[in-house]
All heavy atoms as atom14 arrays in JSON, in Angstrom:
{
  "sequence": "MDSLKVEANMISGSLITDNLNQNIQVLDRYQDIVRITLIDSDG",
  "atom14_mask": [
    [1, 1, 1, 1, 1, 1, 1, 1, 0, 0, 0, 0, 0, 0],
    [1, 1, 1, 1, 1, 1, 1, 1, 0, 0, 0, 0, 0, 0],
    [1, 1, 1, 1, 1, 1, 0, 0, 0, 0, 0, 0, 0, 0],
    [1, 1, 1, 1, 1, 1, 1, 1, 0, 0, 0, 0, 0, 0],
    [1, 1, 1, 1, 1, 1, 1, 1, 1, 0, 0, 0, 0, 0],
    [1, 1, 1, 1, 1, 1, 1, 0, 0, 0, 0, 0, 0, 0],
    [1, 1, 1, 1, 1, 1, 1, 1, 1, 0, 0, 0, 0, 0],
    [1, 1, 1, 1, 1, 0, 0, 0, 0, 0, 0, 0, 0, 0],
    [1, 1, 1, 1, 1, 1, 1, 1, 0, 0, 0, 0, 0, 0],
    [1, 1, 1, 1, 1, 1, 1, 1, 0, 0, 0, 0, 0, 0],
    [1, 1, 1, 1, 1, 1, 1, 1, 0, 0, 0, 0, 0, 0],
    [1, 1, 1, 1, 1, 1, 0, 0, 0, 0, 0, 0, 0, 0],
    [1, 1, 1, 1, 0, 0, 0, 0, 0, 0, 0, 0, 0, 0],
    [1, 1, 1, 1, 1, 1, 0, 0, 0, 0, 0, 0, 0, 0],
    [1, 1, 1, 1, 1, 1, 1, 1, 0, 0, 0, 0, 0, 0],
    [1, 1, 1, 1, 1, 1, 1, 1, 0, 0, 0, 0, 0, 0],
    [1, 1, 1, 1, 1, 1, 1, 0, 0, 0, 0, 0, 0, 0],
    [1, 1, 1, 1, 1, 1, 1, 1, 0, 0, 0, 0, 0, 0],
    [1, 1, 1, 1, 1, 1, 1, 1, 0, 0, 0, 0, 0, 0],
    [1, 1, 1, 1, 1, 1, 1, 1, 0, 0, 0, 0, 0, 0],
    [1, 1, 1, 1, 1, 1, 1, 1, 0, 0, 0, 0, 0, 0],
    [1, 1, 1, 1, 1, 1, 1, 1, 1, 0, 0, 0, 0, 0],
    [1, 1, 1, 1, 1, 1, 1, 1, 0, 0, 0, 0, 0, 0],
    [1, 1, 1, 1, 1, 1, 1, 1, 0, 0, 0, 0, 0, 0],
    [1, 1, 1, 1, 1, 1, 1, 1, 1, 0, 0, 0, 0, 0],
    [1, 1, 1, 1, 1, 1, 1, 0, 0, 0, 0, 0, 0, 0],
    [1, 1, 1, 1, 1, 1, 1, 1, 0, 0, 0, 0, 0, 0],
    [1, 1, 1, 1, 1, 1, 1, 1, 0, 0, 0, 0, 0, 0],
    [1, 1, 1, 1, 1, 1, 1, 1, 1, 1, 1, 0, 0, 0],
    [1, 1, 1, 1, 1, 1, 1, 1, 1, 1, 1, 1, 0, 0],
    [1, 1, 1, 1, 1, 1, 1, 1, 1, 0, 0, 0, 0, 0],
    [1, 1, 1, 1, 1, 1, 1, 1, 0, 0, 0, 0, 0, 0],
    [1, 1, 1, 1, 1, 1, 1, 1, 0, 0, 0, 0, 0, 0],
    [1, 1, 1, 1, 1, 1, 1, 0, 0, 0, 0, 0, 0, 0],
    [1, 1, 1, 1, 1, 1, 1, 1, 1, 1, 1, 0, 0, 0],
    [1, 1, 1, 1, 1, 1, 1, 1, 0, 0, 0, 0, 0, 0],
    [1, 1, 1, 1, 1, 1, 1, 0, 0, 0, 0, 0, 0, 0],
    [1, 1, 1, 1, 1, 1, 1, 1, 0, 0, 0, 0, 0, 0],
    [1, 1, 1, 1, 1, 1, 1, 1, 0, 0, 0, 0, 0, 0],
    [1, 1, 1, 1, 1, 1, 1, 1, 0, 0, 0, 0, 0, 0],
    [1, 1, 1, 1, 1, 1, 0, 0, 0, 0, 0, 0, 0, 0],
    [1, 1, 1, 1, 1, 1, 1, 1, 0, 0, 0, 0, 0, 0],
    [1, 1, 1, 1, 0, 0, 0, 0, 0, 0, 0, 0, 0, 0]
  ],
  "atom14_positions": [
    [[0.83, -1.21, 0.0], [0.0, 0.0, 0.0], [0.87, 1.26, 0.0], [0.56, 2.22, -0.7], [-0.95, -0.01, 1.2], [-2.05, 1.01, 1.09], [-3.09, 0.89, -0.4], [-4.14, -0.48, 0.02], [0.0, 0.0, 0.0], [0.0, 0.0, 0.0], [0.0, 0.0, 0.0], [0.0, 0.0, 0.0], [0.0, 0.0, 0.0], [0.0, 0.0, 0.0]],
    [[1.95, 1.25, 0.75], [2.85, 2.41, 0.76], [3.46, 2.65, -0.61], [3.57, 3.8, -1.06], [3.96, 2.24, 1.81], [3.45, 2.38, 3.23], [2.33, 2.89, 3.43], [4.19, 1.96, 4.15], [0.0, 0.0, 0.0], [0.0, 0.0, 0.0], [0.0, 0.0, 0.0], [0.0, 0.0, 0.0], [0.0, 0.0, 0.0], [0.0, 0.0, 0.0]],
    [[3.85, 1.58, -1.3], [4.44, 1.76, -2.64], [3.39, 2.27, -3.62], [3.69, 3.08, -4.5], [5.08, 0.47, -3.13], [4.12, -0.48, -3.51], [0.0, 0.0, 0.0], [0.0, 0.0, 0.0], [0.0, 0.0, 0.0], [0.0, 0.0, 0.0], [0.0, 0.0, 0.0], [0.0, 0.0, 0.0], [0.0, 0.0, 0.0], [0.0, 0.0, 0.0]],
    [[2.13, 1.83, -3.46], [1.06, 2.35, -4.33], [0.86, 3.85, -4.12], [0.64, 4.6, -5.07], [-0.25, 1.61, -4.08], [-0.42, 0.27, -4.76], [-1.77, -0.34, -4.39], [-0.29, 0.37, -6.26], [0.0, 0.0, 0.0], [0.0, 0.0, 0.0], [0.0, 0.0, 0.0], [0.0, 0.0, 0.0], [0.0, 0.0, 0.0], [0.0, 0.0, 0.0]],
    [[0.92, 4.29, -2.87], [0.76, 5.71, -2.58], [1.87, 6.52, -3.24], [1.62, 7.57, -3.84], [0.77, 5.95, -1.07], [-0.47, 5.45, -0.37], [-0.36, 5.62, 1.13], [-1.55, 5.0, 1.84], [-1.45, 5.09, 3.29], [0.0, 0.0, 0.0], [0.0, 0.0, 0.0], [0.0, 0.0, 0.0], [0.0, 0.0, 0.0], [0.0, 0.0, 0.0]],
    [[3.1, 6.05, -3.15], [4.23, 6.75, -3.77], [4.05, 6.79, -5.28], [4.23, 7.85, -5.91], [5.56, 6.06, -3.38], [6.71, 6.58, -4.23], [5.85, 6.24, -1.9], [0.0, 0.0, 0.0], [0.0, 0.0, 0.0], [0.0, 0.0, 0.0], [0.0, 0.0, 0.0], [0.0, 0.0, 0.0], [0.0, 0.0, 0.0], [0.0, 0.0, 0.0]],
    [[3.67, 5.66, -5.87], [3.5, 5.63, -7.33], [2.34, 6.51, -7.78], [2.44, 7.21, -8.78], [3.3, 4.18, -7.78], [4.58, 3.37, -7.66], [4.37, 1.87, -7.58], [3.21, 1.42, -7.43], [5.38, 1.16, -7.63], [0.0, 0.0, 0.0], [0.0, 0.0, 0.0], [0.0, 0.0, 0.0], [0.0, 0.0, 0.0], [0.0, 0.0, 0.0]],
    [[1.24, 6.51, -7.02], [0.1, 7.37, -7.37], [0.5, 8.83, -7.3], [0.13, 9.62, -8.17], [-1.08, 7.08, -6.44], [0.0, 0.0, 0.0], [0.0, 0.0, 0.0], [0.0, 0.0, 0.0], [0.0, 0.0, 0.0], [0.0, 0.0, 0.0], [0.0, 0.0, 0.0], [0.0, 0.0, 0.0], [0.0, 0.0, 0.0], [0.0, 0.0, 0.0]],
    [[1.23, 9.21, -6.28], [1.67, 10.6, -6.15], [2.63, 10.99, -7.27], [2.57, 12.1, -7.8], [2.3, 10.85, -4.78], [1.27, 10.84, -3.67], [0.13, 11.23, -3.89], [1.67, 10.4, -2.5], [0.0, 0.0, 0.0], [0.0, 0.0, 0.0], [0.0, 0.0, 0.0], [0.0, 0.0, 0.0], [0.0, 0.0, 0.0], [0.0, 0.0, 0.0]],
    [[3.51, 10.07, -7.64], [4.45, 10.33, -8.73], [3.69, 10.51, -10.05], [3.93, 11.46, -10.79], [5.44, 9.17, -8.85], [6.42, 9.3, -9.99], [7.51, 7.87, -10.15], [6.36, 6.59, -10.62], [0.0, 0.0, 0.0], [0.0, 0.0, 0.0], [0.0, 0.0, 0.0], [0.0, 0.0, 0.0], [0.0, 0.0, 0.0], [0.0, 0.0, 0.0]],
    [[2.76, 9.62, -10.31], [2.0, 9.69, -11.57], [1.1, 10.91, -11.58], [1.03, 11.64, -12.58], [1.18, 8.39, -11.78], [2.12, 7.2, -11.98], [0.24, 8.54, -12.98], [1.44, 5.85, -11.91], [0.0, 0.0, 0.0], [0.0, 0.0, 0.0], [0.0, 0.0, 0.0], [0.0, 0.0, 0.0], [0.0, 0.0, 0.0], [0.0, 0.0, 0.0]],
    [[0.4, 11.16, -10.48], [-0.53, 12.29, -10.46], [0.2, 13.62, -10.6], [-0.34, 14.57, -11.15], [-1.39, 12.27, -9.19], [-0.6, 12.47, -8.04], [0.0, 0.0, 0.0], [0.0, 0.0, 0.0], [0.0, 0.0, 0.0], [0.0, 0.0, 0.0], [0.0, 0.0, 0.0], [0.0, 0.0, 0.0], [0.0, 0.0, 0.0], [0.0, 0.0, 0.0]],
    [[1.44, 13.69, -10.13], [2.23, 14.9, -10.29], [2.61, 15.16, -11.74], [2.95, 16.28, -12.11], [0.0, 0.0, 0.0], [0.0, 0.0, 0.0], [0.0, 0.0, 0.0], [0.0, 0.0, 0.0], [0.0, 0.0, 0.0], [0.0, 0.0, 0.0], [0.0, 0.0, 0.0], [0.0, 0.0, 0.0], [0.0, 0.0, 0.0], [0.0, 0.0, 0.0]],
    [[2.53, 14.14, -12.57], [2.88, 14.28, -13.98], [1.69, 14.59, -14.88], [1.87, 14.9, -16.05], [3.51, 12.97, -14.49], [4.63, 12.63, -13.73], [0.0, 0.0, 0.0], [0.0, 0.0, 0.0], [0.0, 0.0, 0.0], [0.0, 0.0, 0.0], [0.0, 0.0, 0.0], [0.0, 0.0, 0.0], [0.0, 0.0, 0.0], [0.0, 0.0, 0.0]],
    [[0.49, 14.48, -14.33], [-0.69, 14.64, -15.17], [-1.03, 16.11, -15.41], [-0.86, 16.96, -14.55], [-1.91, 13.96, -14.52], [-1.87, 12.44, -14.49], [-3.11, 11.92, -13.79], [-1.77, 11.86, -15.88], [0.0, 0.0, 0.0], [0.0, 0.0, 0.0], [0.0, 0.0, 0.0], [0.0, 0.0, 0.0], [0.0, 0.0, 0.0], [0.0, 0.0, 0.0]],
    [[-1.5, 16.36, -16.63], [-2.04, 17.66, -16.99], [-3.55, 17.47, -16.93], [-4.15, 16.9, -17.82], [-1.6, 18.08, -18.4], [-0.07, 18.06, -18.48], [-2.17, 19.43, -18.78], [0.46, 18.02, -19.88], [0.0, 0.0, 0.0], [0.0, 0.0, 0.0], [0.0, 0.0, 0.0], [0.0, 0.0, 0.0], [0.0, 0.0, 0.0], [0.0, 0.0, 0.0]],
    [[-4.16, 17.91, -15.86], [-5.52, 17.49, -15.56], [-6.61, 18.03, -16.47], [-7.73, 17.59, -16.4], [-5.88, 17.85, -14.1], [-5.74, 19.25, -13.95], [-5.01, 17.11, -13.13], [0.0, 0.0, 0.0], [0.0, 0.0, 0.0], [0.0, 0.0, 0.0], [0.0, 0.0, 0.0], [0.0, 0.0, 0.0], [0.0, 0.0, 0.0], [0.0, 0.0, 0.0]],
    [[-6.32, 18.98, -17.34], [-7.36, 19.55, -18.19], [-7.47, 18.89, -19.56], [-8.46, 19.09, -20.25], [-7.13, 21.05, -18.38], [-7.32, 21.82, -17.08], [-8.06, 21.3, -16.21], [-6.74, 22.9, -16.93], [0.0, 0.0, 0.0], [0.0, 0.0, 0.0], [0.0, 0.0, 0.0], [0.0, 0.0, 0.0], [0.0, 0.0, 0.0], [0.0, 0.0, 0.0]],
    [[-6.49, 18.12, -19.97], [-6.51, 17.56, -21.31], [-6.41, 16.04, -21.25], [-5.36, 15.48, -20.94], [-5.34, 18.14, -22.11], [-5.39, 17.74, -23.57], [-5.55, 16.58, -23.9], [-5.23, 18.73, -24.44], [0.0, 0.0, 0.0], [0.0, 0.0, 0.0], [0.0, 0.0, 0.0], [0.0, 0.0, 0.0], [0.0, 0.0, 0.0], [0.0, 0.0, 0.0]],
    [[-7.51, 15.36, -21.59], [-7.57, 13.9, -21.47], [-6.54, 13.22, -22.37], [-5.86, 12.28, -21.94], [-8.98, 13.4, -21.8], [-9.17, 11.88, -21.73], [-8.86, 11.36, -20.33], [-10.58, 11.5, -22.14], [0.0, 0.0, 0.0], [0.0, 0.0, 0.0], [0.0, 0.0, 0.0], [0.0, 0.0, 0.0], [0.0, 0.0, 0.0], [0.0, 0.0, 0.0]],
    [[-6.4, 13.64, -23.61], [-5.45, 12.99, -24.52], [-4.02, 13.11, -24.03], [-3.24, 12.15, -24.11], [-5.58, 13.58, -25.93], [-6.89, 13.16, -26.58], [-7.43, 12.1, -26.28], [-7.41, 14.0, -27.45], [0.0, 0.0, 0.0], [0.0, 0.0, 0.0], [0.0, 0.0, 0.0], [0.0, 0.0, 0.0], [0.0, 0.0, 0.0], [0.0, 0.0, 0.0]],
    [[-3.64, 14.27, -23.52], [-2.29, 14.42, -22.98], [-2.12, 13.58, -21.71], [-1.06, 13.01, -21.49], [-2.0, 15.89, -22.68], [-1.78, 16.71, -23.93], [-1.52, 18.17, -23.62], [-1.92, 18.66, -22.56], [-0.87, 18.86, -24.55], [0.0, 0.0, 0.0], [0.0, 0.0, 0.0], [0.0, 0.0, 0.0], [0.0, 0.0, 0.0], [0.0, 0.0, 0.0]],
    [[-3.17, 13.5, -20.9], [-3.11, 12.66, -19.71], [-2.89, 11.19, -20.07], [-2.1, 10.5, -19.43], [-4.39, 12.79, -18.88], [-4.44, 14.1, -18.12], [-3.41, 14.71, -17.86], [-5.63, 14.53, -17.78], [0.0, 0.0, 0.0], [0.0, 0.0, 0.0], [0.0, 0.0, 0.0], [0.0, 0.0, 0.0], [0.0, 0.0, 0.0], [0.0, 0.0, 0.0]],
    [[-3.57, 10.74, -21.1], [-3.43, 9.35, -21.53], [-2.01, 9.09, -22.03], [-1.41, 8.04, -21.74], [-4.5, 8.98, -22.58], [-5.86, 8.91, -21.89], [-4.16, 7.68, -23.29], [-7.04, 8.74, -22.81], [0.0, 0.0, 0.0], [0.0, 0.0, 0.0], [0.0, 0.0, 0.0], [0.0, 0.0, 0.0], [0.0, 0.0, 0.0], [0.0, 0.0, 0.0]],
    [[-1.43, 10.04, -22.75], [-0.04, 9.89, -23.19], [0.91, 9.79, -22.0], [1.85, 9.0, -22.0], [0.36, 11.06, -24.1], [-0.32, 11.03, -25.44], [-0.02, 12.28, -26.26], [0.62, 13.22, -25.79], [-0.49, 12.29, -27.49], [0.0, 0.0, 0.0], [0.0, 0.0, 0.0], [0.0, 0.0, 0.0], [0.0, 0.0, 0.0], [0.0, 0.0, 0.0]],
    [[0.65, 10.6, -20.98], [1.48, 10.55, -19.77], [1.3, 9.2, -19.08], [2.27, 8.55, -18.66], [1.12, 11.71, -18.81], [1.79, 11.52, -17.46], [1.52, 13.04, -19.42], [0.0, 0.0, 0.0], [0.0, 0.0, 0.0], [0.0, 0.0, 0.0], [0.0, 0.0, 0.0], [0.0, 0.0, 0.0], [0.0, 0.0, 0.0], [0.0, 0.0, 0.0]],
    [[0.06, 8.74, -18.95], [-0.21, 7.47, -18.26], [0.43, 6.29, -18.98], [0.87, 5.33, -18.34], [-1.72, 7.26, -18.12], [-2.43, 8.25, -17.19], [-3.94, 8.01, -17.23], [-1.9, 8.16, -15.78], [0.0, 0.0, 0.0], [0.0, 0.0, 0.0], [0.0, 0.0, 0.0], [0.0, 0.0, 0.0], [0.0, 0.0, 0.0], [0.0, 0.0, 0.0]],
    [[0.49, 6.36, -20.3], [1.12, 5.27, -21.07], [2.59, 5.09, -20.69], [3.12, 3.98, -20.78], [1.01, 5.54, -22.57], [-0.37, 5.2, -23.11], [-1.08, 4.39, -22.48], [-0.73, 5.73, -24.18], [0.0, 0.0, 0.0], [0.0, 0.0, 0.0], [0.0, 0.0, 0.0], [0.0, 0.0, 0.0], [0.0, 0.0, 0.0], [0.0, 0.0, 0.0]],
    [[3.24, 6.15, -20.25], [4.65, 6.04, -19.85], [4.83, 5.22, -18.58], [5.9, 4.7, -18.32], [5.24, 7.44, -19.64], [5.47, 8.18, -20.93], [6.25, 9.44, -20.67], [5.38, 10.55, -21.08], [5.39, 11.73, -20.52], [6.19, 12.0, -19.53], [4.6, 12.68, -20.96], [0.0, 0.0, 0.0], [0.0, 0.0, 0.0], [0.0, 0.0, 0.0]],
    [[3.8, 5.14, -17.75], [3.89, 4.45, -16.47], [3.26, 3.07, -16.47], [3.22, 2.4, -15.45], [3.21, 5.28, -15.38], [3.87, 6.6, -15.11], [3.35, 7.78, -15.61], [5.03, 6.67, -14.34], [3.96, 9.0, -15.35], [5.66, 7.88, -14.09], [5.1, 9.04, -14.6], [5.72, 10.23, -14.34], [0.0, 0.0, 0.0], [0.0, 0.0, 0.0]],
    [[2.8, 2.6, -17.62], [2.0, 1.39, -17.65], [2.76, 0.13, -17.24], [2.14, -0.85, -16.82], [1.36, 1.2, -19.02], [2.32, 0.93, -20.14], [1.58, 0.79, -21.45], [0.39, 0.55, -21.47], [2.3, 0.95, -22.54], [0.0, 0.0, 0.0], [0.0, 0.0, 0.0], [0.0, 0.0, 0.0], [0.0, 0.0, 0.0], [0.0, 0.0, 0.0]],
    [[4.07, 0.13, -17.33], [4.83, -1.05, -16.93], [5.09, -1.11, -15.43], [5.55, -2.13, -14.92], [6.17, -1.11, -17.67], [5.98, -1.3, -19.17], [4.95, -1.88, -19.56], [6.85, -0.86, -19.94], [0.0, 0.0, 0.0], [0.0, 0.0, 0.0], [0.0, 0.0, 0.0], [0.0, 0.0, 0.0], [0.0, 0.0, 0.0], [0.0, 0.0, 0.0]],
    [[4.81, -0.03, -14.72], [5.08, 0.03, -13.29], [3.95, -0.57, -12.47], [4.16, -1.35, -11.55], [5.31, 1.5, -12.86], [6.53, 2.05, -13.57], [5.47, 1.59, -11.36], [6.74, 3.53, -13.35], [0.0, 0.0, 0.0], [0.0, 0.0, 0.0], [0.0, 0.0, 0.0], [0.0, 0.0, 0.0], [0.0, 0.0, 0.0], [0.0, 0.0, 0.0]],
    [[2.71, -0.19, -12.82], [1.57, -0.52, -11.99], [0.31, -0.47, -12.86], [0.32, 0.12, -13.94], [1.49, 0.47, -10.8], [1.14, 1.86, -11.25], [0.56, 0.01, -9.72], [0.0, 0.0, 0.0], [0.0, 0.0, 0.0], [0.0, 0.0, 0.0], [0.0, 0.0, 0.0], [0.0, 0.0, 0.0], [0.0, 0.0, 0.0], [0.0, 0.0, 0.0]],
    [[-0.76, -1.11, -12.42], [-2.02, -0.97, -13.15], [-2.59, 0.42, -12.87], [-2.67, 0.86, -11.73], [-3.03, -2.02, -12.72], [-4.32, -1.87, -13.5], [-5.32, -2.92, -13.21], [-6.51, -2.69, -14.04], [-7.61, -3.38, -13.93], [-7.7, -4.35, -13.05], [-8.63, -3.1, -14.71], [0.0, 0.0, 0.0], [0.0, 0.0, 0.0], [0.0, 0.0, 0.0]],
    [[-2.99, 1.09, -13.95], [-3.46, 2.47, -13.85], [-4.87, 2.57, -14.45], [-5.11, 2.06, -15.55], [-2.54, 3.44, -14.6], [-1.11, 3.32, -14.07], [-3.05, 4.86, -14.52], [-0.08, 4.02, -14.93], [0.0, 0.0, 0.0], [0.0, 0.0, 0.0], [0.0, 0.0, 0.0], [0.0, 0.0, 0.0], [0.0, 0.0, 0.0], [0.0, 0.0, 0.0]],
    [[-5.75, 3.23, -13.73], [-7.1, 3.5, -14.23], [-7.39, 4.97, -14.01], [-7.14, 5.5, -12.92], [-8.14, 2.65, -13.47], [-7.75, 1.28, -13.48], [-9.51, 2.78, -14.1], [0.0, 0.0, 0.0], [0.0, 0.0, 0.0], [0.0, 0.0, 0.0], [0.0, 0.0, 0.0], [0.0, 0.0, 0.0], [0.0, 0.0, 0.0], [0.0, 0.0, 0.0]],
    [[-7.89, 5.63, -15.04], [-8.33, 7.01, -14.93], [-9.85, 7.01, -15.05], [-10.4, 6.48, -16.01], [-7.71, 7.9, -16.01], [-7.99, 9.39, -15.88], [-7.36, 9.95, -14.59], [-7.45, 10.14, -17.09], [0.0, 0.0, 0.0], [0.0, 0.0, 0.0], [0.0, 0.0, 0.0], [0.0, 0.0, 0.0], [0.0, 0.0, 0.0], [0.0, 0.0, 0.0]],
    [[-10.51, 7.59, -14.05], [-11.96, 7.52, -13.93], [-12.52, 8.93, -13.94], [-11.98, 9.83, -13.29], [-12.35, 6.79, -12.62], [-11.68, 5.42, -12.58], [-13.85, 6.69, -12.47], [-11.59, 4.81, -11.21], [0.0, 0.0, 0.0], [0.0, 0.0, 0.0], [0.0, 0.0, 0.0], [0.0, 0.0, 0.0], [0.0, 0.0, 0.0], [0.0, 0.0, 0.0]],
    [[-13.61, 9.11, -14.67], [-14.29, 10.42, -14.71], [-15.14, 10.58, -13.46], [-15.41, 9.62, -12.73], [-15.16, 10.52, -15.97], [-15.43, 11.95, -16.38], [-15.07, 12.87, -15.64], [-16.0, 12.14, -17.48], [0.0, 0.0, 0.0], [0.0, 0.0, 0.0], [0.0, 0.0, 0.0], [0.0, 0.0, 0.0], [0.0, 0.0, 0.0], [0.0, 0.0, 0.0]],
    [[-15.59, 11.79, -13.2], [-16.35, 12.09, -11.99], [-17.68, 11.32, -11.92], [-18.21, 11.12, -10.84], [-16.62, 13.59, -11.88], [-17.34, 14.03, -13.01], [0.0, 0.0, 0.0], [0.0, 0.0, 0.0], [0.0, 0.0, 0.0], [0.0, 0.0, 0.0], [0.0, 0.0, 0.0], [0.0, 0.0, 0.0], [0.0, 0.0, 0.0], [0.0, 0.0, 0.0]],
    [[-18.19, 10.87, -13.06], [-19.44, 10.1, -13.06], [-19.2, 8.59, -12.96], [-20.13, 7.8, -13.02], [-20.27, 10.42, -14.29], [-19.62, 9.98, -15.59], [-18.47, 9.47, -15.57], [-20.25, 10.16, -16.66], [0.0, 0.0, 0.0], [0.0, 0.0, 0.0], [0.0, 0.0, 0.0], [0.0, 0.0, 0.0], [0.0, 0.0, 0.0], [0.0, 0.0, 0.0]],
    [[-17.93, 8.18, -12.8], [-17.59, 6.76, -12.65], [-17.2, 6.06, -13.94], [-16.81, 4.9, -13.93], [0.0, 0.0, 0.0], [0.0, 0.0, 0.0], [0.0, 0.0, 0.0], [0.0, 0.0, 0.0], [0.0, 0.0, 0.0], [0.0, 0.0, 0.0], [0.0, 0.0, 0.0], [0.0, 0.0, 0.0], [0.0, 0.0, 0.0], [0.0, 0.0, 0.0]]
  ]
}
Protein backbone atom coordinates (compact mmCIF):
# COMPACT_ATOMS: atom_id res chain seq x y z
CA MET A 1 0.00 0.00 0.00
CA ASP A 2 2.85 2.41 0.76
CA SER A 3 4.44 1.76 -2.64
CA LEU A 4 1.06 2.35 -4.33
CA LYS A 5 0.76 5.71 -2.58
CA VAL A 6 4.23 6.75 -3.77
CA GLU A 7 3.50 5.63 -7.33
CA ALA A 8 0.10 7.37 -7.37
CA ASN A 9 1.67 10.60 -6.15
CA MET A 10 4.45 10.33 -8.73
CA ILE A 11 2.00 9.69 -11.57
CA SER A 12 -0.53 12.29 -10.46
CA GLY A 13 2.23 14.90 -10.29
CA SER A 14 2.88 14.28 -13.98
CA LEU A 15 -0.69 14.64 -15.17
CA ILE A 16 -2.04 17.66 -16.99
CA THR A 17 -5.52 17.49 -15.56
CA ASP A 18 -7.36 19.55 -18.19
CA ASN A 19 -6.51 17.56 -21.31
CA LEU A 20 -7.57 13.90 -21.47
CA ASN A 21 -5.45 12.99 -24.52
CA GLN A 22 -2.29 14.42 -22.98
CA ASN A 23 -3.11 12.66 -19.71
CA ILE A 24 -3.43 9.35 -21.53
CA GLN A 25 -0.04 9.89 -23.19
CA VAL A 26 1.48 10.55 -19.77
CA LEU A 27 -0.21 7.47 -18.26
CA ASP A 28 1.12 5.27 -21.07
CA ARG A 29 4.65 6.04 -19.85
CA TYR A 30 3.89 4.45 -16.47
CA GLN A 31 2.00 1.39 -17.65
CA ASP A 32 4.83 -1.05 -16.93
CA ILE A 33 5.08 0.03 -13.29
CA VAL A 34 1.57 -0.52 -11.99
CA ARG A 35 -2.02 -0.97 -13.15
CA ILE A 36 -3.46 2.47 -13.85
CA THR A 37 -7.10 3.50 -14.23
CA LEU A 38 -8.33 7.01 -14.93
CA ILE A 39 -11.96 7.52 -13.93
CA ASP A 40 -14.29 10.42 -14.71
CA SER A 41 -16.35 12.09 -11.99
CA ASP A 42 -19.44 10.10 -13.06
CA GLY A 43 -17.59 6.76 -12.65
